[in-house]
C-alpha atoms as a PDB file:
ATOM      1  CA  MET A   1    -219.578-140.471  67.977  1.00  0.00           C
ATOM      2  CA  SER A   2    -218.694-139.568  71.501  1.00  0.00           C
ATOM      3  CA  PRO A   3    -219.907-136.039  72.291  1.00  0.00           C
ATOM      4  CA  SER A   4    -216.785-135.290  74.294  1.00  0.00           C
ATOM      5  CA  SER A   5    -213.414-136.860  74.950  1.00  0.00           C
ATOM      6  CA  GLY A   6    -213.164-135.239  78.357  1.00  0.00           C
ATOM      7  CA  PRO A   7    -210.871-132.474  79.592  1.00  0.00           C
ATOM      8  CA  GLY A   8    -207.228-132.129  78.667  1.00  0.00           C
ATOM      9  CA  ILE A   9    -205.089-131.593  75.566  1.00  0.00           C
ATOM     10  CA  HIS A  10    -204.773-134.425  73.064  1.00  0.00           C
ATOM     11  CA  ARG A  11    -202.043-135.353  70.630  1.00  0.00           C
ATOM     12  CA  LEU A  12    -201.708-133.363  67.432  1.00  0.00           C
ATOM     13  CA  LEU A  13    -201.140-135.485  64.338  1.00  0.00           C
ATOM     14  CA  ILE A  14    -198.744-133.796  61.929  1.00  0.00           C
ATOM     15  CA  GLY A  15    -197.663-134.958  58.482  1.00  0.00           C
ATOM     16  CA  ARG A  16    -197.316-133.921  54.880  1.00  0.00           C
ATOM     17  CA  PHE A  17    -201.107-133.535  54.823  1.00  0.00           C
ATOM     18  CA  GLY A  18    -200.902-130.764  57.438  1.00  0.00           C
ATOM     19  CA  ARG A  19    -202.235-131.390  60.933  1.00  0.00           C
ATOM     20  CA  ALA A  20    -205.219-132.989  62.623  1.00  0.00           C
ATOM     21  CA  THR A  21    -206.353-131.887  66.070  1.00  0.00           C
ATOM     22  CA  VAL A  22    -209.302-132.170  68.432  1.00  0.00           C
ATOM     23  CA  ASN A  23    -210.503-128.964  70.092  1.00  0.00           C
ATOM     24  CA  ARG A  24    -213.291-128.351  72.571  1.00  0.00           C
ATOM     25  CA  VAL A  25    -216.389-126.609  71.248  1.00  0.00           C
ATOM     26  CA  ASP A  26    -215.928-123.912  73.912  1.00  0.00           C
ATOM     27  CA  THR A  27    -212.416-123.043  72.674  1.00  0.00           C
ATOM     28  CA  THR A  28    -212.019-119.481  71.372  1.00  0.00           C
ATOM     29  CA  ILE A  29    -209.749-118.775  68.389  1.00  0.00           C
ATOM     30  CA  ALA A  30    -209.091-115.235  67.170  1.00  0.00           C
ATOM     31  CA  PRO A  31    -209.939-114.069  63.618  1.00  0.00           C
ATOM     32  CA  HIS A  32    -207.280-115.343  61.215  1.00  0.00           C
ATOM     33  CA  CYS A  33    -206.575-116.540  57.681  1.00  0.00           C
ATOM     34  CA  HIS A  34    -204.229-119.145  56.267  1.00  0.00           C
ATOM     35  CA  GLY A  35    -203.172-120.610  52.957  1.00  0.00           C
ATOM     36  CA  GLU A  36    -204.397-124.101  53.814  1.00  0.00           C
ATOM     37  CA  ILE A  37    -207.875-125.580  53.561  1.00  0.00           C
ATOM     38  CA  ASN A  38    -209.507-126.003  56.977  1.00  0.00           C
ATOM     39  CA  LEU A  39    -212.142-128.673  57.625  1.00  0.00           C
ATOM     40  CA  VAL A  40    -213.835-128.579  61.039  1.00  0.00           C
ATOM     41  CA  PHE A  41    -216.332-131.254  62.112  1.00  0.00           C
ATOM     42  CA  ASN A  42    -218.686-131.005  65.078  1.00  0.00           C
ATOM     43  CA  LEU A  43    -218.628-134.441  66.696  1.00  0.00           C
ATOM     44  CA  GLY A  44    -220.801-133.641  69.691  1.00  0.00           C
ATOM     45  CA  ASP A  45    -224.415-132.776  70.358  1.00  0.00           C
ATOM     46  CA  THR A  46    -224.112-128.992  70.722  1.00  0.00           C
ATOM     47  CA  THR A  47    -223.834-126.240  68.123  1.00  0.00           C
ATOM     48  CA  ALA A  48    -220.423-124.719  67.360  1.00  0.00           C
ATOM     49  CA  SER A  49    -220.299-121.007  66.594  1.00  0.00           C
ATOM     50  CA  PHE A  50    -217.944-119.440  64.029  1.00  0.00           C
ATOM     51  CA  THR A  51    -217.555-116.031  62.453  1.00  0.00           C
ATOM     52  CA  VAL A  52    -216.697-116.122  58.738  1.00  0.00           C
ATOM     53  CA  TRP A  53    -216.118-112.863  56.858  1.00  0.00           C
ATOM     54  CA  ASN A  54    -217.731-111.034  59.804  1.00  0.00           C
ATOM     55  CA  ARG A  55    -220.920-113.121  59.522  1.00  0.00           C
ATOM     56  CA  HIS A  56    -222.113-115.721  62.009  1.00  0.00           C
ATOM     57  CA  ALA A  57    -221.931-119.380  60.951  1.00  0.00           C
ATOM     58  CA  ALA A  58    -223.434-122.105  63.125  1.00  0.00           C
ATOM     59  CA  VAL A  59    -222.215-125.670  62.654  1.00  0.00           C
ATOM     60  CA  ILE A  60    -224.759-128.030  64.162  1.00  0.00           C
ATOM     61  CA  ALA A  61    -223.950-131.428  65.658  1.00  0.00           C
ATOM     62  CA  GLY A  62    -223.220-133.965  62.956  1.00  0.00           C
ATOM     63  CA  ALA A  63    -222.001-131.412  60.407  1.00  0.00           C
ATOM     64  CA  GLY A  64    -218.780-129.782  59.337  1.00  0.00           C
ATOM     65  CA  ILE A  65    -217.539-126.628  57.665  1.00  0.00           C
ATOM     66  CA  LEU A  66    -214.930-126.222  54.912  1.00  0.00           C
ATOM     67  CA  VAL A  67    -213.028-122.932  55.052  1.00  0.00           C
ATOM     68  CA  GLY A  68    -211.034-122.246  51.911  1.00  0.00           C
ATOM     69  CA  PRO A  69    -207.634-120.526  51.710  1.00  0.00           C
ATOM     70  CA  TRP A  70    -207.548-116.881  52.861  1.00  0.00           C
ATOM     71  CA  VAL A  71    -211.051-116.837  54.321  1.00  0.00           C
ATOM     72  CA  LEU A  72    -211.152-114.705  57.476  1.00  0.00           C
ATOM     73  CA  HIS A  73    -212.665-116.835  60.229  1.00  0.00           C
ATOM     74  CA  ALA A  74    -212.792-117.211  64.001  1.00  0.00           C
ATOM     75  CA  LYS A  75    -214.085-119.717  66.540  1.00  0.00           C
ATOM     76  CA  ASN A  76    -216.501-118.082  68.962  1.00  0.00           C
ATOM     77  CA  PRO A  77    -216.902-119.047  72.643  1.00  0.00           C
ATOM     78  CA  SER A  78    -219.748-121.369  73.578  1.00  0.00           C
ATOM     79  CA  LEU A  79    -221.723-121.453  76.822  1.00  0.00           C
ATOM     80  CA  GLU A  80    -223.171-124.888  76.069  1.00  0.00           C
ATOM     81  CA  ALA A  81    -221.874-128.183  77.430  1.00  0.00           C
ATOM     82  CA  SER A  82    -218.531-128.915  75.872  1.00  0.00           C
ATOM     83  CA  SER A  83    -217.982-131.443  73.092  1.00  0.00           C
ATOM     84  CA  ASP A  84    -215.317-132.117  70.485  1.00  0.00           C
ATOM     85  CA  LEU A  85    -214.440-130.463  67.197  1.00  0.00           C
ATOM     86  CA  LEU A  86    -212.144-132.368  64.834  1.00  0.00           C
ATOM     87  CA  SER A  87    -210.055-129.868  62.865  1.00  0.00           C
ATOM     88  CA  LEU A  88    -208.007-130.667  59.757  1.00  0.00           C
ATOM     89  CA  VAL A  89    -205.629-128.025  58.422  1.00  0.00           C
ATOM     90  CA  LEU A  90    -204.760-129.425  55.000  1.00  0.00           C
ATOM     91  CA  ASP A  91    -201.863-128.572  52.722  1.00  0.00           C
ATOM     92  CA  SER A  92    -203.419-127.797  49.340  1.00  0.00           C
ATOM     93  CA  ARG A  93    -200.510-129.270  47.388  1.00  0.00           C
ATOM     94  CA  TRP A  94    -200.915-132.552  49.240  1.00  0.00           C
ATOM     95  CA  ILE A  95    -204.585-132.705  48.256  1.00  0.00           C
ATOM     96  CA  GLU A  96    -203.722-131.868  44.646  1.00  0.00           C
ATOM     97  CA  ASP A  97    -201.033-134.559  44.540  1.00  0.00           C
ATOM     98  CA  ASN A  98    -203.407-137.203  45.890  1.00  0.00           C
ATOM     99  CA  ARG A  99    -206.564-136.152  44.048  1.00  0.00           C
ATOM    100  CA  ARG A 100    -205.204-135.583  40.545  1.00  0.00           C
ATOM    101  CA  GLY A 101    -207.867-134.461  38.125  1.00  0.00           C
ATOM    102  CA  THR A 102    -210.569-134.124  40.788  1.00  0.00           C
ATOM    103  CA  PHE A 103    -209.369-131.132  42.819  1.00  0.00           C
ATOM    104  CA  GLU A 104    -208.787-127.580  41.606  1.00  0.00           C
ATOM    105  CA  LEU A 105    -207.483-125.348  44.369  1.00  0.00           C
ATOM    106  CA  ALA A 106    -208.518-122.171  42.543  1.00  0.00           C
ATOM    107  CA  ARG A 107    -212.172-123.162  42.912  1.00  0.00           C
ATOM    108  CA  TRP A 108    -211.883-123.157  46.712  1.00  0.00           C
ATOM    109  CA  HIS A 109    -210.046-119.858  47.114  1.00  0.00           C
ATOM    110  CA  ASN A 110    -212.083-117.564  49.393  1.00  0.00           C
ATOM    111  CA  ARG A 111    -214.933-120.104  49.644  1.00  0.00           C
ATOM    112  CA  ILE A 112    -216.739-121.890  52.455  1.00  0.00           C
ATOM    113  CA  GLY A 113    -219.198-124.766  52.517  1.00  0.00           C
ATOM    114  CA  ILE A 114    -221.199-126.810  55.001  1.00  0.00           C
ATOM    115  CA  VAL A 115    -220.467-130.546  55.040  1.00  0.00           C
ATOM    116  CA  PRO A 116    -223.132-133.091  56.087  1.00  0.00           C
ATOM    117  CA  VAL A 117    -221.672-135.993  58.081  1.00  0.00           C
ATOM    118  CA  THR A 118    -223.205-139.311  57.065  1.00  0.00           C
ATOM    119  CA  GLY A 119    -222.301-142.941  56.392  1.00  0.00           C
ATOM    120  CA  GLY A 120    -218.669-143.585  55.527  1.00  0.00           C
ATOM    121  CA  LEU A 121    -217.580-140.071  56.442  1.00  0.00           C
ATOM    122  CA  SER A 122    -218.944-140.542  59.959  1.00  0.00           C
ATOM    123  CA  GLU A 123    -217.009-143.796  60.354  1.00  0.00           C
ATOM    124  CA  SER A 124    -213.746-142.208  59.141  1.00  0.00           C
ATOM    125  CA  LEU A 125    -214.158-139.269  61.518  1.00  0.00           C
ATOM    126  CA  ARG A 126    -214.810-141.619  64.424  1.00  0.00           C
ATOM    127  CA  ALA A 127    -211.653-143.619  63.637  1.00  0.00           C
ATOM    128  CA  LEU A 128    -209.455-140.514  63.312  1.00  0.00           C
ATOM    129  CA  HIS A 129    -210.925-139.014  66.481  1.00  0.00           C
ATOM    130  CA  GLU A 130    -210.024-142.222  68.348  1.00  0.00           C
ATOM    131  CA  MET A 131    -206.425-142.055  67.063  1.00  0.00           C
ATOM    132  CA  ILE A 132    -206.103-138.530  68.427  1.00  0.00           C
ATOM    133  CA  VAL A 133    -207.826-138.746  71.804  1.00  0.00           C
ATOM    134  CA  SER A 134    -207.308-142.324  72.978  1.00  0.00           C
ATOM    135  CA  PRO A 135    -204.220-142.759  75.191  1.00  0.00           C
ATOM    136  CA  ASN A 136    -204.041-146.379  74.026  1.00  0.00           C
ATOM    137  CA  ALA A 137    -204.105-145.570  70.307  1.00  0.00           C
ATOM    138  CA  SER A 138    -200.937-145.891  68.222  1.00  0.00           C
ATOM    139  CA  PRO A 139    -201.214-143.445  65.305  1.00  0.00           C
ATOM    140  CA  THR A 140    -199.621-144.724  62.081  1.00  0.00           C
ATOM    141  CA  HIS A 141    -199.515-143.764  58.429  1.00  0.00           C
ATOM    142  CA  LEU A 142    -203.101-145.066  58.286  1.00  0.00           C
ATOM    143  CA  ALA A 143    -204.096-141.712  59.777  1.00  0.00           C
ATOM    144  CA  CYS A 144    -202.946-140.105  56.514  1.00  0.00           C
ATOM    145  CA  ASP A 145    -205.258-142.433  54.590  1.00  0.00           C
ATOM    146  CA  LEU A 146    -208.149-141.446  56.856  1.00  0.00           C
ATOM    147  CA  VAL A 147    -207.404-137.738  56.415  1.00  0.00           C
ATOM    148  CA  LEU A 148    -207.362-138.113  52.628  1.00  0.00           C
ATOM    149  CA  LYS A 149    -210.630-140.068  52.659  1.00  0.00           C
ATOM    150  CA  ILE A 150    -212.289-137.444  54.861  1.00  0.00           C
ATOM    151  CA  ALA A 151    -211.008-134.544  52.737  1.00  0.00           C
ATOM    152  CA  ALA A 152    -212.022-136.183  49.442  1.00  0.00           C
ATOM    153  CA  THR A 153    -215.505-137.034  50.689  1.00  0.00           C
ATOM    154  CA  ALA A 154    -216.111-133.561  52.147  1.00  0.00           C
ATOM    155  CA  ILE A 155    -214.891-131.736  49.025  1.00  0.00           C
ATOM    156  CA  GLU A 156    -216.944-133.937  46.699  1.00  0.00           C
ATOM    157  CA  ASP A 157    -220.060-133.546  48.875  1.00  0.00           C
ATOM    158  CA  ILE A 158    -219.763-129.756  48.815  1.00  0.00           C
ATOM    159  CA  ALA A 159    -219.088-129.705  45.069  1.00  0.00           C
ATOM    160  CA  GLN A 160    -222.211-131.778  44.424  1.00  0.00           C
ATOM    161  CA  SER A 161    -224.481-129.780  46.718  1.00  0.00           C
ATOM    162  CA  HIS A 162    -223.179-126.269  46.022  1.00  0.00           C
ATOM    163  CA  GLY A 163    -221.373-126.595  42.707  1.00  0.00           C
ATOM    164  CA  ASN A 164    -217.722-125.842  42.163  1.00  0.00           C
ATOM    165  CA  GLY A 165    -218.385-122.117  41.995  1.00  0.00           C
ATOM    166  CA  GLU A 166    -216.596-119.525  39.958  1.00  0.00           C
ATOM    167  CA  MET A 167    -212.886-119.492  39.276  1.00  0.00           C
ATOM    168  CA  HIS A 168    -211.328-116.683  41.313  1.00  0.00           C
ATOM    169  CA  GLY A 169    -209.058-114.267  39.506  1.00  0.00           C
ATOM    170  CA  ASN A 170    -206.486-114.695  36.789  1.00  0.00           C
ATOM    171  CA  ALA A 171    -202.784-115.423  36.916  1.00  0.00           C
ATOM    172  CA  LEU A 172    -200.927-113.326  39.470  1.00  0.00           C
ATOM    173  CA  ASP A 173    -199.468-110.025  38.339  1.00  0.00           C
ATOM    174  CA  ASN A 174    -195.761-110.614  37.622  1.00  0.00           C
ATOM    175  CA  ARG A 175    -194.762-107.983  40.169  1.00  0.00           C
ATOM    176  CA  LEU A 176    -196.868-109.611  42.868  1.00  0.00           C
ATOM    177  CA  ALA A 177    -195.545-113.063  41.961  1.00  0.00           C
ATOM    178  CA  LYS A 178    -191.994-111.748  42.364  1.00  0.00           C
ATOM    179  CA  ALA A 179    -192.863-110.205  45.737  1.00  0.00           C
ATOM    180  CA  LEU A 180    -194.449-113.444  46.960  1.00  0.00           C
ATOM    181  CA  GLU A 181    -191.290-115.356  46.042  1.00  0.00           C
ATOM    182  CA  ALA A 182    -189.326-112.856  48.139  1.00  0.00           C
ATOM    183  CA  PHE A 183    -191.787-113.188  51.034  1.00  0.00           C
ATOM    184  CA  ASN A 184    -191.483-116.972  51.012  1.00  0.00           C
ATOM    185  CA  ALA A 185    -187.685-116.878  50.827  1.00  0.00           C
ATOM    186  CA  THR A 186    -187.258-114.447  53.730  1.00  0.00           C
ATOM    187  CA  ALA A 187    -187.505-115.052  57.463  1.00  0.00           C
ATOM    188  CA  PRO A 188    -190.735-113.322  58.630  1.00  0.00           C
ATOM    189  CA  ALA A 189    -188.884-111.010  61.013  1.00  0.00           C
ATOM    190  CA  ASP A 190    -186.743-109.709  58.125  1.00  0.00           C
ATOM    191  CA  ILE A 191    -189.553-108.869  55.697  1.00  0.00           C
ATOM    192  CA  ASN A 192    -189.656-105.173  54.831  1.00  0.00           C
ATOM    193  CA  ILE A 193    -192.886-104.493  52.955  1.00  0.00           C
ATOM    194  CA  GLU A 194    -191.934-100.996  51.784  1.00  0.00           C
ATOM    195  CA  LYS A 195    -188.595-102.250  50.436  1.00  0.00           C
ATOM    196  CA  MET A 196    -190.224-105.161  48.605  1.00  0.00           C
ATOM    197  CA  ALA A 197    -192.813-102.823  47.080  1.00  0.00           C
ATOM    198  CA  SER A 198    -190.062-100.543  45.856  1.00  0.00           C
ATOM    199  CA  GLU A 199    -188.056-103.458  44.416  1.00  0.00           C
ATOM    200  CA  VAL A 200    -190.992-104.497  42.216  1.00  0.00           C
ATOM    201  CA  GLY A 201    -191.666-100.903  41.157  1.00  0.00           C
ATOM    202  CA  LEU A 202    -194.770-100.179  43.215  1.00  0.00           C
ATOM    203  CA  SER A 203    -195.747 -97.588  45.784  1.00  0.00           C
ATOM    204  CA  ARG A 204    -196.699 -98.858  49.227  1.00  0.00           C
ATOM    205  CA  SER A 205    -200.411 -98.162  48.709  1.00  0.00           C
ATOM    206  CA  ARG A 206    -200.481 -99.747  45.233  1.00  0.00           C
ATOM    207  CA  PHE A 207    -198.580-102.780  46.533  1.00  0.00           C
ATOM    208  CA  TYR A 208    -201.102-103.280  49.352  1.00  0.00           C
ATOM    209  CA  GLN A 209    -203.982-102.986  46.869  1.00  0.00           C
ATOM    210  CA  LEU A 210    -202.421-105.416  44.401  1.00  0.00           C
ATOM    211  CA  PHE A 211    -201.551-107.860  47.192  1.00  0.00           C
ATOM    212  CA  LYS A 212    -205.084-107.814  48.653  1.00  0.00           C
ATOM    213  CA  ASN A 213    -206.670-108.263  45.210  1.00  0.00           C
ATOM    214  CA  GLY A 214    -204.302-111.044  44.179  1.00  0.00           C
ATOM    215  CA  VAL A 215    -203.925-113.058  47.392  1.00  0.00           C
ATOM    216  CA  GLY A 216    -207.119-112.154  49.211  1.00  0.00           C
ATOM    217  CA  VAL A 217    -205.502-110.788  52.375  1.00  0.00           C
ATOM    218  CA  SER A 218    -203.160-107.951  53.314  1.00  0.00           C
ATOM    219  CA  PRO A 219    -199.361-108.392  53.414  1.00  0.00           C
ATOM    220  CA  LEU A 220    -199.458-108.221  57.231  1.00  0.00           C
ATOM    221  CA  VAL A 221    -201.958-111.102  57.462  1.00  0.00           C
ATOM    222  CA  TYR A 222    -199.785-113.093  55.052  1.00  0.00           C
ATOM    223  CA  ILE A 223    -196.736-112.476  57.251  1.00  0.00           C
ATOM    224  CA  ASP A 224    -198.671-113.664  60.304  1.00  0.00           C
ATOM    225  CA  TRP A 225    -199.420-116.894  58.405  1.00  0.00           C
ATOM    226  CA  LEU A 226    -195.728-117.309  57.574  1.00  0.00           C
ATOM    227  CA  ARG A 227    -194.901-116.792  61.241  1.00  0.00           C
ATOM    228  CA  LEU A 228    -197.351-119.480  62.343  1.00  0.00           C
ATOM    229  CA  ARG A 229    -196.098-121.972  59.745  1.00  0.00           C
ATOM    230  CA  GLN A 230    -192.501-121.352  60.783  1.00  0.00           C
ATOM    231  CA  ALA A 231    -193.410-121.603  64.463  1.00  0.00           C
ATOM    232  CA  THR A 232    -195.312-124.884  64.160  1.00  0.00           C
ATOM    233  CA  ASP A 233    -192.519-126.465  62.109  1.00  0.00           C
ATOM    234  CA  VAL A 234    -189.760-125.423  64.494  1.00  0.00           C
ATOM    235  CA  LEU A 235    -191.781-126.473  67.543  1.00  0.00           C
ATOM    236  CA  THR A 236    -192.498-129.849  65.941  1.00  0.00           C
ATOM    237  CA  TYR A 237    -189.139-130.800  64.493  1.00  0.00           C
ATOM    238  CA  THR A 238    -186.593-129.142  66.791  1.00  0.00           C
ATOM    239  CA  THR A 239    -185.893-128.465  70.444  1.00  0.00           C
ATOM    240  CA  THR A 240    -185.153-124.757  69.878  1.00  0.00           C
ATOM    241  CA  PRO A 241    -186.147-122.837  73.035  1.00  0.00           C
ATOM    242  CA  ILE A 242    -189.438-120.986  72.732  1.00  0.00           C
ATOM    243  CA  ALA A 243    -187.801-117.706  73.713  1.00  0.00           C
ATOM    244  CA  ARG A 244    -185.398-118.047  70.787  1.00  0.00           C
ATOM    245  CA  ILE A 245    -188.238-118.911  68.390  1.00  0.00           C
ATOM    246  CA  SER A 246    -190.063-115.806  69.587  1.00  0.00           C
ATOM    247  CA  ASP A 247    -187.006-113.612  69.056  1.00  0.00           C
ATOM    248  CA  GLN A 248    -186.226-114.943  65.599  1.00  0.00           C
ATOM    249  CA  LEU A 249    -189.824-114.509  64.452  1.00  0.00           C
ATOM    250  CA  GLY A 250    -189.669-110.834  65.395  1.00  0.00           C
ATOM    251  CA  PHE A 251    -191.623-110.725  68.652  1.00  0.00           C
ATOM    252  CA  SER A 252    -190.412-108.289  71.298  1.00  0.00           C
ATOM    253  CA  ALA A 253    -191.085-110.784  74.112  1.00  0.00           C
ATOM    254  CA  SER A 254    -191.795-114.511  74.335  1.00  0.00           C
ATOM    255  CA  SER A 255    -195.069-113.713  76.138  1.00  0.00           C
ATOM    256  CA  HIS A 256    -196.223-111.811  73.043  1.00  0.00           C
ATOM    257  CA  PHE A 257    -195.357-114.802  70.849  1.00  0.00           C
ATOM    258  CA  SER A 258    -197.173-117.205  73.183  1.00  0.00           C
ATOM    259  CA  ARG A 259    -200.266-114.993  73.188  1.00  0.00           C
ATOM    260  CA  PHE A 260    -200.192-114.685  69.380  1.00  0.00           C
ATOM    261  CA  PHE A 261    -199.775-118.451  68.961  1.00  0.00           C
ATOM    262  CA  SER A 262    -202.505-119.347  71.468  1.00  0.00           C
ATOM    263  CA  GLN A 263    -204.999-116.870  70.015  1.00  0.00           C
ATOM    264  CA  HIS A 264    -204.560-118.308  66.526  1.00  0.00           C
ATOM    265  CA  LEU A 265    -204.302-122.032  67.303  1.00  0.00           C
ATOM    266  CA  GLY A 266    -206.120-122.388  70.620  1.00  0.00           C
ATOM    267  CA  ILE A 267    -203.077-123.965  72.297  1.00  0.00           C
ATOM    268  CA  SER A 268    -199.831-122.625  73.766  1.00  0.00           C
ATOM    269  CA  PRO A 269    -196.474-123.175  71.998  1.00  0.00           C
ATOM    270  CA  ALA A 270    -195.268-125.389  74.857  1.00  0.00           C
ATOM    271  CA  SER A 271    -198.373-127.578  74.707  1.00  0.00           C
ATOM    272  CA  PHE A 272    -198.166-127.771  70.926  1.00  0.00           C
ATOM    273  CA  ARG A 273    -194.594-129.069  71.144  1.00  0.00           C
ATOM    274  CA  LYS A 274    -195.425-131.505  73.934  1.00  0.00           C
ATOM    275  CA  HIS A 275    -198.366-133.099  72.127  1.00  0.00           C
ATOM    276  CA  ALA A 276    -197.091-133.116  68.525  1.00  0.00           C
ATOM    277  CA  PHE A 277    -196.963-136.578  66.903  1.00  0.00           C
ATOM    278  CA  VAL A 278    -195.282-136.717  63.505  1.00  0.00           C
ATOM    279  CA  ILE A 279    -196.679-139.128  60.925  1.00  0.00           C
ATOM    280  CA  ASP A 280    -195.375-139.511  57.367  1.00  0.00           C
ATOM    281  CA  TYR A 281    -192.245-137.512  58.115  1.00  0.00           C
ATOM    282  CA  PRO A 282    -191.515-134.711  55.578  1.00  0.00           C
ATOM    283  CA  GLY A 283    -189.617-136.073  52.594  1.00  0.00           C
ATOM    284  CA  ALA A 284    -190.170-139.693  53.652  1.00  0.00           C
ATOM    285  CA  GLY A 285    -192.045-142.383  51.747  1.00  0.00           C
ATOM    286  CA  ALA A 286    -195.785-142.677  51.817  1.00  0.00           C
ATOM    287  CA  HIS A 287    -195.651-145.384  54.485  1.00  0.00           C
ATOM    288  CA  SER A 288    -192.968-144.049  56.779  1.00  0.00           C
ATOM    289  CA  ALA A 289    -193.203-145.047  60.420  1.00  0.00           C
ATOM    290  CA  LEU A 290    -194.281-142.712  63.163  1.00  0.00           C
ATOM    291  CA  ARG A 291    -191.353-140.668  64.395  1.00  0.00           C
ATOM    292  CA  PRO A 292    -191.133-138.860  67.716  1.00  0.00           C
ATOM    293  CA  ARG A 293    -191.144-135.085  67.862  1.00  0.00           C
ATOM    294  CA  GLY A 294    -187.764-133.403  68.007  1.00  0.00           C
ATOM    295  CA  VAL A 295    -186.110-135.684  65.423  1.00  0.00           C
ATOM    296  CA  THR A 296    -184.293-133.367  63.034  1.00  0.00           C
ATOM    297  CA  SER A 297    -182.416-135.690  60.670  1.00  0.00           C
ATOM    298  CA  GLN A 298    -183.033-135.053  56.974  1.00  0.00           C
ATOM    299  CA  LEU A 299    -185.762-132.512  57.512  1.00  0.00           C
ATOM    300  CA  VAL A 300    -187.211-131.258  54.232  1.00  0.00           C
ATOM    301  CA  PRO A 301    -189.213-128.017  54.593  1.00  0.00           C
ATOM    302  CA  ARG A 302    -192.707-127.895  53.147  1.00  0.00           C
ATOM    303  CA  PRO A 303    -192.929-126.950  49.450  1.00  0.00           C
ATOM    304  CA  GLY A 304    -192.869-123.196  49.052  1.00  0.00           C
ATOM    305  CA  GLN A 305    -191.329-122.550  52.462  1.00  0.00           C
ATOM    306  CA  PRO A 306    -187.964-120.860  52.899  1.00  0.00           C
ATOM    307  CA  CYS A 307    -185.183-123.342  53.602  1.00  0.00           C
ATOM    308  CA  LEU A 308    -183.475-121.395  56.371  1.00  0.00           C
ATOM    309  CA  THR A 309    -180.791-124.006  56.997  1.00  0.00           C
ATOM    310  CA  PRO A 310    -179.618-127.200  55.289  1.00  0.00           C
ATOM    311  CA  PRO A 311    -181.550-130.426  56.033  1.00  0.00           C
ATOM    312  CA  GLY A 312    -180.292-132.054  59.199  1.00  0.00           C
ATOM    313  CA  SER A 313    -179.584-128.809  61.070  1.00  0.00           C
ATOM    314  CA  PHE A 314    -182.991-127.151  61.055  1.00  0.00           C
ATOM    315  CA  ARG A 315    -183.163-123.982  63.068  1.00  0.00           C
ATOM    316  CA  LEU A 316    -184.428-120.470  62.541  1.00  0.00           C
ATOM    317  CA  ARG A 317    -181.064-119.056  61.585  1.00  0.00           C
END
């Protein structure tokens, strides 16, 4: 694999699987959590530095790391020569749908694992990397097939080398399940944690404790995740001005939103919108053609996301 694709921002591949991006090893990303599985592969010849649960994790060249849902992690700066990291942020439901009987999301909750890159996995990573960074490449639905192959191979390799681990927790407390439904059905800027706690019969402190034990993160971290998911969807599928997105997500100024977005994704909102390439459009068939960003017809929000407006007129409110 090429150690570096050179300077500049590359296209971001977005589909029902989630998103696939190429970042530089010297990119810094603030501590964050999310509900998706994150696979990051070091394609260069330098070591990439991460912090996971406040502990240092080094990913050497020719290896990757799987970060399970709700694992606190950050990408640390690097002083070494720059090279590429291929990052896959994968929707867990998509993996479950495509790996029936071989993938149990509960086993990956709050887990991490190191992935060796060999043989077929190396070839798939090289092909996906080329689709993202090459100006002459024409990404198609085949990218989705590559993402699935990479995810399946990485998950199986970790399961074989580390075991599937312990199941985490039991079924959610009914009160917490009700609160989560309310969270997911409410625009992030309108979520009132104290009110939701009261509506499910809990004090604020007990609600925070139950939420942290059940989900793995605090309500505020969960809201930040909702904000990022909403922001990336609106930036990808609409032409809503960034200032309006910022306002509707509850930021006091668009500069605050841009800083929040950049710290968590390593790219500005404007650059994200400019470089987004949609593959396997939401709600479309498995072999839908590549569609340009900004197309809003028949948009179907991701499963579990609030449908803020009817399909075809997607906007924040």
